[in-house]
Protein backbone atom coordinates (compact mmCIF):
# COMPACT_ATOMS: atom_id res chain seq x y z
CA CYS A 1 -32.32 25.95 -4.45
CA LEU A 2 -36.07 25.21 -4.11
CA PRO A 3 -38.34 27.81 -5.80
CA SER A 4 -39.86 30.56 -3.68
CA SER A 5 -43.46 30.19 -2.54
CA PRO A 6 -46.10 32.66 -1.31
CA LEU A 7 -47.10 30.21 1.42
CA ALA A 8 -46.23 31.25 4.95
CA ASP A 9 -45.97 27.56 5.87
CA TRP A 10 -43.43 26.71 3.14
CA GLY A 11 -40.80 26.26 5.87
CA LEU A 12 -42.62 23.08 6.88
CA LEU A 13 -41.76 21.44 3.57
CA SER A 14 -38.10 22.49 3.57
CA THR A 15 -37.67 21.34 7.17
CA HIS A 16 -39.23 18.01 6.36
CA LEU A 17 -36.80 17.47 3.49
CA SER A 18 -33.82 18.53 5.59
CA HIS A 19 -34.59 16.03 8.37
CA PRO A 20 -35.83 12.92 6.58
CA SER A 21 -37.27 9.91 8.30
CA ASP A 22 -36.41 6.32 7.27
CA ARG A 23 -38.84 6.58 4.38
CA ASP A 24 -37.93 10.10 3.26
CA VAL A 25 -35.45 10.98 0.51
CA LEU A 26 -32.82 13.61 1.25
CA VAL A 27 -32.38 15.95 -1.72
CA SER A 28 -28.65 16.71 -1.74
CA PRO A 29 -26.86 18.95 -4.24
CA GLN A 30 -23.81 16.68 -3.99
CA GLU A 31 -25.34 13.55 -5.55
CA CYS A 32 -27.72 13.00 -8.48
CA LEU A 33 -30.87 11.13 -7.51
CA SER A 34 -31.60 7.80 -9.12
CA PRO A 35 -34.99 7.46 -10.88
CA GLN A 36 -36.34 5.57 -7.86
CA GLN A 37 -35.13 8.26 -5.44
CA ALA A 38 -36.54 11.04 -7.62
CA LEU A 39 -39.92 9.30 -7.81
CA SER A 40 -39.91 8.85 -4.06
CA ALA A 41 -39.10 12.54 -3.56
CA VAL A 42 -41.98 13.55 -5.86
CA ARG A 43 -44.38 11.28 -3.97
CA GLN A 44 -43.29 12.80 -0.66
CA MET A 45 -44.00 16.28 -2.01
CA GLN A 46 -47.39 15.19 -3.29
CA LYS A 47 -48.28 13.77 0.13
CA LEU A 48 -47.25 16.98 1.83
CA LEU A 49 -49.26 19.07 -0.60
CA ALA A 50 -52.31 16.84 -0.16
CA ALA A 51 -52.01 17.16 3.61
CA GLN A 52 -51.84 20.91 3.31
CA GLU A 53 -54.89 20.95 1.05
CA ALA A 54 -56.91 19.42 3.87
CA ARG A 55 -56.36 22.44 6.01
CA ALA A 56 -59.27 24.82 5.55
CA ALA A 57 -57.34 27.75 6.98
CA TRP A 58 -54.98 27.83 4.01
CA ALA A 59 -57.39 26.56 1.36
CA ARG A 60 -56.94 29.50 -0.96
CA ASP A 61 -53.13 29.39 -0.89
CA LEU A 62 -53.06 25.63 -1.19
CA GLN A 63 -55.39 25.65 -4.21
CA LEU A 64 -52.93 27.92 -5.97
CA LEU A 65 -49.99 25.67 -5.09
CA ALA A 66 -51.88 22.50 -6.01
CA GLY A 67 -52.18 23.56 -9.66
CA ALA A 68 -50.53 21.22 -12.10
CA GLY A 69 -48.24 23.92 -13.43
CA VAL A 70 -46.98 24.86 -9.95
CA ARG A 71 -46.44 21.23 -8.96
CA SER A 72 -44.61 20.49 -12.15
CA SER A 73 -42.46 23.58 -11.70
CA LEU A 74 -41.67 22.60 -8.12
CA VAL A 75 -40.64 19.05 -9.01
CA MET A 76 -38.60 20.10 -12.03
CA SER A 77 -36.85 22.80 -10.00
CA VAL A 78 -35.77 20.27 -7.36
CA LEU A 79 -34.59 17.67 -9.88
CA THR A 80 -32.83 20.25 -12.04
CA CYS A 81 -31.09 21.78 -9.01
CA VAL A 82 -29.90 18.38 -7.85
CA CYS A 83 -28.83 16.83 -11.10
CA LEU A 84 -27.13 19.71 -12.86
CA SER A 85 -24.37 19.74 -10.23
CA ALA A 86 -23.86 15.98 -10.06
CA GLU A 87 -24.40 14.35 -13.45
CA THR A 88 -22.52 11.15 -14.04
CA CYS A 89 -21.65 8.94 -16.99
CA PRO A 90 -22.57 5.25 -17.18
CA GLN A 91 -20.20 2.91 -15.36
CA PRO A 92 -17.26 2.17 -17.72
CA VAL A 93 -16.62 -1.39 -18.83
CA VAL A 94 -13.35 -2.74 -17.40
CA PRO A 95 -11.50 -4.69 -20.12
CA LEU A 96 -10.85 -8.38 -19.61
CA ASN A 97 -7.27 -9.03 -18.44
CA GLY A 98 -6.99 -5.40 -17.37
CA ARG A 99 -8.12 -2.95 -14.71
CA MET A 100 -9.38 0.58 -14.34
CA LEU A 101 -7.66 3.36 -12.37
CA GLY A 102 -9.92 6.01 -10.93
CA ARG A 103 -13.46 5.54 -9.61
CA SER A 104 -15.28 8.83 -10.19
CA THR A 105 -17.81 8.79 -13.04
CA ARG A 106 -18.86 12.42 -12.62
CA VAL A 107 -18.78 14.96 -15.44
CA GLY A 108 -15.28 16.33 -15.92
CA HIS A 109 -13.51 13.36 -14.31
CA ASP A 110 -11.14 10.88 -16.02
CA VAL A 111 -10.59 7.14 -15.70
CA HIS A 112 -7.53 5.24 -16.92
CA PHE A 113 -7.08 1.67 -18.15
CA VAL A 114 -4.06 -0.63 -17.95
CA CYS A 115 -3.58 -4.25 -19.04
CA ASP A 116 -2.03 -7.18 -17.20
CA ALA A 117 1.42 -8.45 -18.07
CA GLY A 118 1.44 -10.16 -21.47
CA PHE A 119 -1.40 -8.02 -22.84
CA ARG A 120 -1.41 -4.77 -24.82
CA LEU A 121 -4.05 -2.07 -24.51
CA VAL A 122 -5.99 -1.33 -27.69
CA GLY A 123 -8.26 1.71 -27.64
CA SER A 124 -8.34 4.74 -25.38
CA GLU A 125 -6.09 4.58 -22.33
CA THR A 126 -7.82 7.60 -20.76
CA ARG A 127 -11.51 8.44 -21.07
CA ALA A 128 -13.23 11.57 -19.75
CA CYS A 129 -16.88 11.95 -18.68
CA ARG A 130 -18.26 14.70 -20.92
CA HIS A 131 -21.10 17.11 -20.20
CA ASP A 132 -23.48 15.10 -22.39
CA ARG A 133 -22.88 12.16 -19.99
CA THR A 134 -20.92 10.14 -22.56
CA TRP A 135 -17.32 8.94 -22.37
CA SER A 136 -14.67 10.35 -24.67
CA GLY A 137 -12.51 8.06 -26.79
CA THR A 138 -13.24 4.44 -27.61
CA GLN A 139 -13.84 1.38 -25.44
CA PRO A 140 -10.43 -0.20 -24.74
CA PHE A 141 -9.66 -3.92 -24.63
CA CYS A 142 -6.57 -5.97 -23.79
CA ARG A 143 -5.09 -8.04 -26.60
CA SER A 144 -2.66 -10.86 -25.90
CA GLU A 145 0.80 -10.13 -27.24
CA VAL A 146 1.08 -13.78 -28.34
CA GLU A 147 -2.13 -13.53 -30.38
CA GLN A 148 -0.94 -10.23 -31.83
CA GLY A 149 2.25 -11.93 -33.05
CA TRP A 150 4.63 -9.54 -31.25
CA GLY A 151 8.01 -10.94 -30.35
CA VAL A 152 7.77 -13.99 -32.67
CA GLY A 153 10.94 -14.61 -34.69
CA GLY A 154 12.17 -17.08 -37.29
CA SER A 155 14.14 -20.25 -36.60
CA ALA A 156 17.42 -21.22 -38.24
CA LEU A 157 17.65 -24.17 -40.66
CA PRO A 158 20.73 -26.09 -41.79
CA GLY A 159 22.61 -24.23 -44.49
CA GLY A 160 21.88 -20.83 -43.04
CA SER A 161 18.29 -20.48 -44.35
CA CYS A 162 15.46 -19.43 -42.12
CA THR A 163 11.85 -20.40 -41.81
CA THR A 164 9.17 -17.90 -40.98
CA PRO A 165 6.63 -18.62 -38.25
CA SER A 166 3.15 -19.84 -39.08
CA PRO A 167 0.72 -17.03 -39.75
CA VAL A 168 -1.43 -15.96 -36.82
CA THR A 169 -5.13 -16.52 -37.32
CA GLY A 170 -7.33 -13.47 -37.46
CA PRO A 171 -6.84 -10.10 -39.13
CA PRO A 172 -3.20 -9.07 -39.58
CA ALA A 173 -1.88 -6.41 -37.24
CA MET A 174 -0.59 -3.58 -39.37
CA PRO A 175 2.28 -1.55 -37.92
CA HIS A 176 0.35 1.70 -38.18
CA SER A 177 -2.62 0.19 -36.28
CA VAL A 178 -0.56 -0.68 -33.17
CA PRO A 179 -0.78 2.16 -30.61
CA PRO A 180 2.56 3.45 -29.22
CA ASP A 181 3.60 2.05 -25.84
CA VAL A 182 2.48 4.06 -22.80
CA ASP A 183 4.77 4.10 -19.78
CA GLU A 184 2.27 3.35 -16.99
CA CYS A 185 5.06 3.59 -14.41
CA GLN A 186 5.92 7.14 -15.40
CA LEU A 187 2.27 8.20 -15.54
CA PHE A 188 0.94 6.71 -12.32
CA GLN A 189 3.76 5.54 -9.99
CA SER A 190 4.79 8.99 -8.76
CA SER A 191 1.37 9.90 -7.32
CA PRO A 192 0.15 8.28 -4.07
CA GLN A 193 -3.42 8.30 -5.39
CA THR A 194 -2.63 6.34 -8.58
CA ARG A 195 0.48 4.44 -7.47
CA LEU A 196 0.67 1.05 -9.18
CA CYS A 197 3.38 -0.70 -7.16
CA LEU A 198 4.29 -0.64 -3.49
CA HIS A 199 8.04 -0.51 -4.23
CA ASP A 200 9.22 -0.17 -7.83
CA CYS A 201 7.59 -0.32 -11.25
CA LEU A 202 9.09 -1.74 -14.45
CA ASN A 203 7.54 -0.66 -17.74
CA LEU A 204 6.85 -3.41 -20.29
CA PRO A 205 5.49 -3.20 -23.85
CA GLY A 206 1.78 -2.64 -23.32
CA SER A 207 1.98 -3.32 -19.60
CA TYR A 208 4.16 -3.07 -16.49
CA ARG A 209 5.55 -5.23 -13.69
CA CYS A 210 5.96 -4.51 -9.99
CA LEU A 211 9.33 -5.25 -8.41
CA CYS A 212 10.29 -5.90 -4.80
CA PRO A 213 13.66 -5.28 -3.10
CA PRO A 214 15.90 -8.16 -1.95
CA GLY A 215 14.42 -9.96 1.01
CA TYR A 216 10.84 -9.58 -0.25
CA LEU A 217 8.54 -11.52 -2.55
CA LEU A 218 5.76 -10.14 -4.74
CA ARG A 219 2.35 -11.02 -3.32
CA ALA A 220 -0.46 -12.62 -5.28
CA ASP A 221 -2.00 -9.18 -5.89
CA ARG A 222 1.12 -8.43 -7.99
CA ASN A 223 1.72 -4.96 -6.55
CA THR A 224 2.64 -5.36 -2.84
CA CYS A 225 5.67 -6.99 -1.27
CA GLU A 226 5.88 -9.62 1.47
CA ASP A 227 8.88 -10.07 3.75
CA VAL A 228 10.82 -13.33 3.40
CA ASN A 229 11.63 -15.03 6.71
CA GLU A 230 15.17 -16.18 6.03
CA CYS A 231 15.46 -17.70 9.51
CA THR A 232 12.52 -20.06 9.04
CA GLY A 233 13.49 -20.98 5.49
CA LYS A 234 17.16 -21.58 6.44
CA GLN A 235 18.24 -18.97 3.92
CA HIS A 236 20.51 -17.23 6.45
CA ASN A 237 24.29 -17.24 6.78
CA CYS A 238 24.49 -17.45 10.56
CA THR A 239 27.21 -19.74 11.91
CA GLN A 240 26.71 -22.40 14.54
CA GLY A 241 26.17 -20.82 17.92
CA ASP A 242 24.60 -17.68 16.48
CA LEU A 243 20.88 -16.96 16.57
CA CYS A 244 19.02 -15.82 13.43
CA ILE A 245 16.70 -12.83 13.86
CA ASN A 246 14.38 -12.10 10.94
CA THR A 247 14.09 -8.42 9.98
CA PHE A 248 12.06 -6.57 7.35
CA GLY A 249 13.96 -7.23 4.15
CA GLY A 250 16.71 -9.35 5.67
CA HIS A 251 18.03 -11.00 8.82
CA ARG A 252 20.64 -10.56 11.56
CA CYS A 253 22.90 -13.06 13.31
CA VAL A 254 23.20 -12.42 17.07
CA CYS A 255 24.97 -14.10 19.96
CA PRO A 256 23.74 -12.83 23.36
CA LYS A 257 26.42 -13.09 26.05
CA CYS A 258 26.27 -12.68 29.81
CA PRO A 259 28.46 -9.92 31.32
CA PRO A 260 31.87 -11.06 32.66
CA PRO A 261 32.33 -11.50 36.44
CA ARG A 262 32.88 -8.22 38.31
CA HIS A 263 32.81 -7.15 41.97
CA ASN A 264 31.87 -10.66 43.18
CA THR A 265 29.00 -10.64 40.69
CA SER A 266 28.70 -13.32 38.02
CA TYR A 267 25.98 -14.62 35.74
CA VAL A 268 25.03 -17.91 34.19
CA LYS A 269 23.09 -18.33 30.95
CA THR A 270 19.75 -20.02 31.66
CA SER A 271 18.35 -19.75 28.10
CA ALA A 272 19.34 -18.42 24.70
CA PHE A 273 18.14 -14.92 25.67
CA GLN A 274 18.40 -14.91 29.49
CA CYS A 275 21.16 -14.62 32.11
CA GLU A 276 20.62 -15.12 35.86
CA ARG A 277 22.85 -13.82 38.65
CA ASN A 278 24.70 -16.39 40.75
CA PRO A 279 24.16 -16.25 44.54
CA CYS A 280 25.97 -13.32 46.13
CA PRO A 281 28.51 -13.62 48.94
CA MET A 282 27.04 -12.42 52.24
CA GLU A 283 29.47 -9.52 52.57
CA SER A 284 29.14 -8.25 48.94
CA ARG A 285 26.80 -5.25 48.81
CA ALA A 286 27.77 -4.56 45.16
CA CYS A 287 26.51 -7.99 44.14
CA ARG A 288 23.19 -7.49 45.90
CA LEU A 289 22.69 -4.17 44.07
CA ALA A 290 23.43 -5.73 40.68
CA ALA A 291 20.62 -6.95 38.41
CA THR A 292 19.23 -10.33 39.38
CA SER A 293 18.59 -11.15 35.72
CA ILE A 294 19.42 -9.83 32.25
CA SER A 295 17.36 -10.60 29.15
CA PHE A 296 18.00 -9.83 25.46
CA HIS A 297 15.28 -8.73 23.03
CA TYR A 298 15.54 -8.10 19.26
CA LEU A 299 12.80 -6.17 17.48
CA PRO A 300 12.42 -5.66 13.70
CA LEU A 301 10.83 -2.33 12.72
CA GLN A 302 9.81 -0.71 9.42
CA ALA A 303 11.15 2.75 8.63
CA ASN A 304 9.18 5.91 9.45
CA ARG A 305 6.49 4.25 11.55
CA THR A 306 3.86 6.51 13.05
CA VAL A 307 4.40 7.53 16.66
CA PRO A 308 3.87 7.15 19.53
CA ARG A 309 4.21 3.37 19.15
CA VAL A 310 4.57 0.78 21.91
CA LEU A 311 7.50 -1.50 21.04
CA PHE A 312 8.02 -3.55 24.18
CA LYS A 313 6.35 -4.32 27.52
CA MET A 314 7.98 -5.16 30.85
CA SER A 315 6.33 -6.95 33.76
CA THR A 316 6.96 -9.43 36.56
CA THR A 317 4.95 -12.50 37.45
CA ARG A 318 6.28 -12.66 41.01
CA PHE A 319 5.54 -9.25 42.44
CA VAL A 320 6.27 -9.36 46.19
CA GLY A 321 7.14 -5.71 46.84
CA ASP A 322 4.89 -2.69 47.02
CA SER A 323 6.10 -0.78 43.92
CA LEU A 324 7.88 -1.14 40.58
CA ARG A 325 10.01 1.50 38.87
CA PHE A 326 10.91 1.61 35.18
CA ALA A 327 13.77 3.59 33.66
CA ILE A 328 16.06 3.89 30.61
CA MET A 329 19.64 3.24 31.70
CA GLY A 330 21.56 3.76 28.47
CA GLY A 331 22.13 2.56 24.93
CA ARG A 332 22.53 3.96 21.41
CA GLY A 333 19.71 6.05 19.92
CA GLN A 334 17.85 6.33 23.21
CA GLY A 335 16.66 9.83 22.26
CA VAL A 336 13.78 8.35 20.25
CA PHE A 337 12.49 6.21 23.16
CA ALA A 338 10.52 6.82 26.34
CA VAL A 339 9.33 4.59 29.18
CA ARG A 340 5.89 4.82 30.74
CA ARG A 341 3.82 2.77 33.17
CA SER A 342 0.71 1.10 31.74
CA ASP A 343 -0.54 -0.38 35.02
CA ARG A 344 0.73 -1.29 38.51
CA GLN A 345 2.82 -4.24 37.31
CA MET A 346 3.71 -3.29 33.72
CA GLY A 347 5.84 -0.72 31.91
CA GLU A 348 6.15 0.06 28.20
CA LEU A 349 8.95 1.09 25.88
CA VAL A 350 7.52 3.69 23.48
CA LEU A 351 8.94 4.94 20.19
CA THR A 352 8.50 8.73 20.30
CA SER A 353 10.00 9.80 16.94
CA PRO A 354 9.87 8.26 13.43
CA VAL A 355 13.15 6.61 12.44
CA ALA A 356 14.54 6.36 8.92
CA GLY A 357 16.51 3.21 8.17
CA PRO A 358 18.59 1.28 7.83
CA VAL A 359 19.83 1.75 11.39
CA THR A 360 20.30 -0.32 14.54
CA LEU A 361 19.14 1.18 17.87
CA GLU A 362 19.95 -0.15 21.33
CA VAL A 363 18.45 0.73 24.69
CA ASP A 364 18.88 -0.73 28.19
CA LEU A 365 15.77 -0.75 30.38
CA GLU A 366 15.66 -1.31 34.13
CA MET A 367 12.74 -2.59 36.16
CA SER A 368 13.32 -2.30 39.94
CA GLU A 369 11.13 -3.80 42.68
CA PHE A 370 10.89 -2.11 46.06
CA SER A 371 9.29 -2.84 49.42
CA ARG A 372 9.04 0.21 51.68
CA LYS A 373 11.72 1.89 49.54
CA VAL A 374 14.10 -1.05 50.04
CA LEU A 375 15.39 -2.61 46.80
CA LEU A 376 14.33 -6.24 46.49
CA GLY A 377 15.76 -6.84 43.04
CA LYS A 378 15.97 -5.50 39.51
CA HIS A 379 15.90 -6.81 35.99
CA ILE A 380 17.74 -5.45 32.95
CA PHE A 381 16.11 -5.62 29.49
CA LYS A 382 18.63 -5.11 26.67
CA VAL A 383 16.52 -4.17 23.64
CA THR A 384 17.94 -3.98 20.10
CA VAL A 385 15.79 -2.52 17.31
CA PHE A 386 16.65 -3.25 13.65
CA VAL A 387 15.09 -0.50 11.52
CA SER A 388 14.53 -1.49 7.89
CA PRO A 389 15.30 0.84 4.96
CA TYR A 390 11.74 0.23 3.73
CA GLU A 391 8.35 1.30 5.07
CA PHE A 392 6.78 -2.11 4.48
């Protein structure tokens, strides 16, 4: 949008502006230059013009361009081209005990104001940046509901008479001067761009409150939710002998058990989540082909997580064979899982599809160790995934 020029070397100036050095100013039609940037751009143009004036070969053309009228026209054309498409209003004042929704201060854009709990908005809730670079409406502020006198009632006296509360200092709040309540939850909660609360929003007179589902607490920011660990806080209902597993929004009580004896194969529990196979009889081939160990793993998971997502890793610390093999052997909901090798001694359980909760998924994984294609031993990982009904 720079003005046309009779100079054959005008391309030098446009190229210089399109590829600025550290000291150059890029003239962009997407942003309005600040006064300092505009002054710097003008100085750069003046330097370029002065350099061109020194060239005797183009003296005549440069004398024409160096005229005050041409220079002024050039500068004004650049600044007008830049600023007409990106004018902004002054930064709005955020009211005390409130906050502003929306960050754009460009012409034609709106910002919104809401007050904290216990305060009522007085003034314009929405203000638009007008073409004259001024804000529509009036500057809002947040007035305490206690100071306003809202919700204050009389107290009963013996004999059935009542006493009225002491008058509130300051100018009286006339009913017609109080703006009607605006439901911030209805206005902003439905849109992801202006959403006020992570979970649910409760409208209050002049304000709102964020709510969290059972099993969560409201964070200090007053709009997001934090999971409560019922197992650590002893808020669970698990009986003696059960193990408490914290999940997102709740907990589960589990009791891992070793498989019963079968085909000369039996197991003993070596820890709360581990079973080891007892020594096999010499003549029992079925026992030697059974898993040497079985472990239990419980994983909490939020709903609709992005995929692919690694949930679990399998490895061995005593690798004596020449190869490891990983496989899914069974379970409920195994269609959303896959197994892959991450390196020579490690495999991964991968979630391949988003899962909506609440739901419990189970999958049995097998890691087998071989030496020259002869089975040395295998381990079974019994993985249980508790998918929450919430995405947080």
